[in-house]
């Protein structure tokens, strides 16, 4: 699979980055965490702490995730819901 994003994928990732964090609800802009590399439609909106924080983040000890009782698919569901809501309200 090609790692370069096409125009539609770039637009989707940009919309995701505008959303609040799908774990802690910190206001955007957010990072776009890829659940699986090069799968640009399965990205999750995460604040820096929930994404890369050494204690709280997905790439660390994942404490925020454990506290929220979430996994990546739960966060993806929140992200999709948030993007959809933002598109409908605009």
Protein backbone atom coordinates (compact mmCIF):
# COMPACT_ATOMS: atom_id res chain seq x y z
CA UNK A 1 0.00 0.00 0.00
CA UNK A 2 1.29 3.44 -0.92
CA UNK A 3 2.29 5.56 2.09
CA UNK A 4 1.62 8.87 0.30
CA UNK A 5 -1.80 10.30 0.96
CA UNK A 6 -4.09 11.22 -1.90
CA UNK A 7 -6.21 14.39 -1.77
CA UNK A 8 -9.20 12.69 -0.12
CA UNK A 9 -7.00 11.09 2.55
CA UNK A 10 -5.29 14.42 3.25
CA UNK A 11 -8.70 16.08 3.66
CA UNK A 12 -9.87 13.34 6.08
CA UNK A 13 -6.72 13.56 8.20
CA UNK A 14 -7.04 17.37 8.27
CA UNK A 15 -10.64 17.04 9.52
CA UNK A 16 -9.53 14.59 12.21
CA UNK A 17 -6.79 16.97 13.37
CA UNK A 18 -9.39 19.72 13.89
CA UNK A 19 -11.27 17.58 16.45
CA UNK A 20 -10.87 17.45 20.22
CA UNK A 21 -8.96 14.55 21.73
CA UNK A 22 -11.04 11.39 21.51
CA UNK A 23 -9.79 10.19 24.91
CA UNK A 24 -9.66 13.22 27.22
CA UNK A 25 -11.67 15.74 25.13
CA UNK A 26 -8.88 18.37 25.17
CA UNK A 27 -9.72 20.93 22.48
CA UNK A 28 -8.11 20.58 19.05
CA UNK A 29 -6.02 20.79 17.11
CA UNK A 30 -5.06 17.19 17.74
CA UNK A 31 -2.53 14.71 16.44
CA UNK A 32 -3.78 12.08 14.00
CA UNK A 33 -2.82 8.68 15.45
CA UNK A 34 -2.79 5.93 12.83
CA UNK A 35 -4.21 2.68 14.19
CA UNK A 36 -2.36 0.89 11.41
CA UNK A 37 0.37 2.62 9.45
CA UNK A 38 -0.56 3.80 5.94
CA UNK A 39 -4.29 3.36 6.66
CA UNK A 40 -5.19 7.02 6.53
CA UNK A 41 -8.92 6.66 7.17
CA UNK A 42 -8.41 4.89 10.49
CA UNK A 43 -6.80 7.77 12.34
CA UNK A 44 -7.77 8.90 15.82
CA UNK A 45 -7.75 12.48 17.10
CA UNK A 46 -5.45 12.60 20.15
CA UNK A 47 -3.90 15.42 22.15
CA UNK A 48 -0.11 15.25 22.57
CA UNK A 49 -0.44 13.73 26.05
CA UNK A 50 -2.86 10.95 25.04
CA UNK A 51 -0.83 10.28 21.90
CA UNK A 52 2.83 10.50 22.88
CA UNK A 53 2.93 11.17 26.61
CA UNK A 54 5.31 8.82 28.42
CA UNK A 55 2.84 8.18 31.24
CA UNK A 56 -0.57 8.85 29.70
CA UNK A 57 -0.13 8.32 25.97
CA UNK A 58 -0.77 5.43 23.61
CA UNK A 59 2.94 5.25 22.83
CA UNK A 60 3.78 5.25 26.55
CA UNK A 61 2.11 3.57 29.51
CA UNK A 62 -1.44 4.36 28.29
CA UNK A 63 -2.78 5.43 31.70
CA UNK A 64 -5.28 7.92 30.22
CA UNK A 65 -6.60 5.11 28.05
CA UNK A 66 -6.93 2.76 31.02
CA UNK A 67 -8.68 5.43 33.08
CA UNK A 68 -11.08 6.12 30.22
CA UNK A 69 -11.52 2.35 29.66
CA UNK A 70 -10.85 2.82 25.95
CA UNK A 71 -8.89 1.15 23.20
CA UNK A 72 -8.05 2.42 19.72
CA UNK A 73 -11.37 1.29 18.20
CA UNK A 74 -13.34 3.08 20.92
CA UNK A 75 -11.35 6.24 20.21
CA UNK A 76 -11.86 5.81 16.46
CA UNK A 77 -15.62 5.67 17.06
CA UNK A 78 -15.45 8.95 18.99
CA UNK A 79 -13.30 10.54 16.27
CA UNK A 80 -15.70 9.55 13.47
CA UNK A 81 -18.67 10.80 15.49
CA UNK A 82 -16.91 14.13 16.15
CA UNK A 83 -15.95 14.62 12.49
CA UNK A 84 -19.47 13.77 11.38
CA UNK A 85 -20.97 16.21 13.90
CA UNK A 86 -18.60 18.97 12.78
CA UNK A 87 -19.50 18.40 9.12
CA UNK A 88 -23.24 18.48 9.83
CA UNK A 89 -22.99 21.68 11.91
CA UNK A 90 -21.04 23.56 9.21
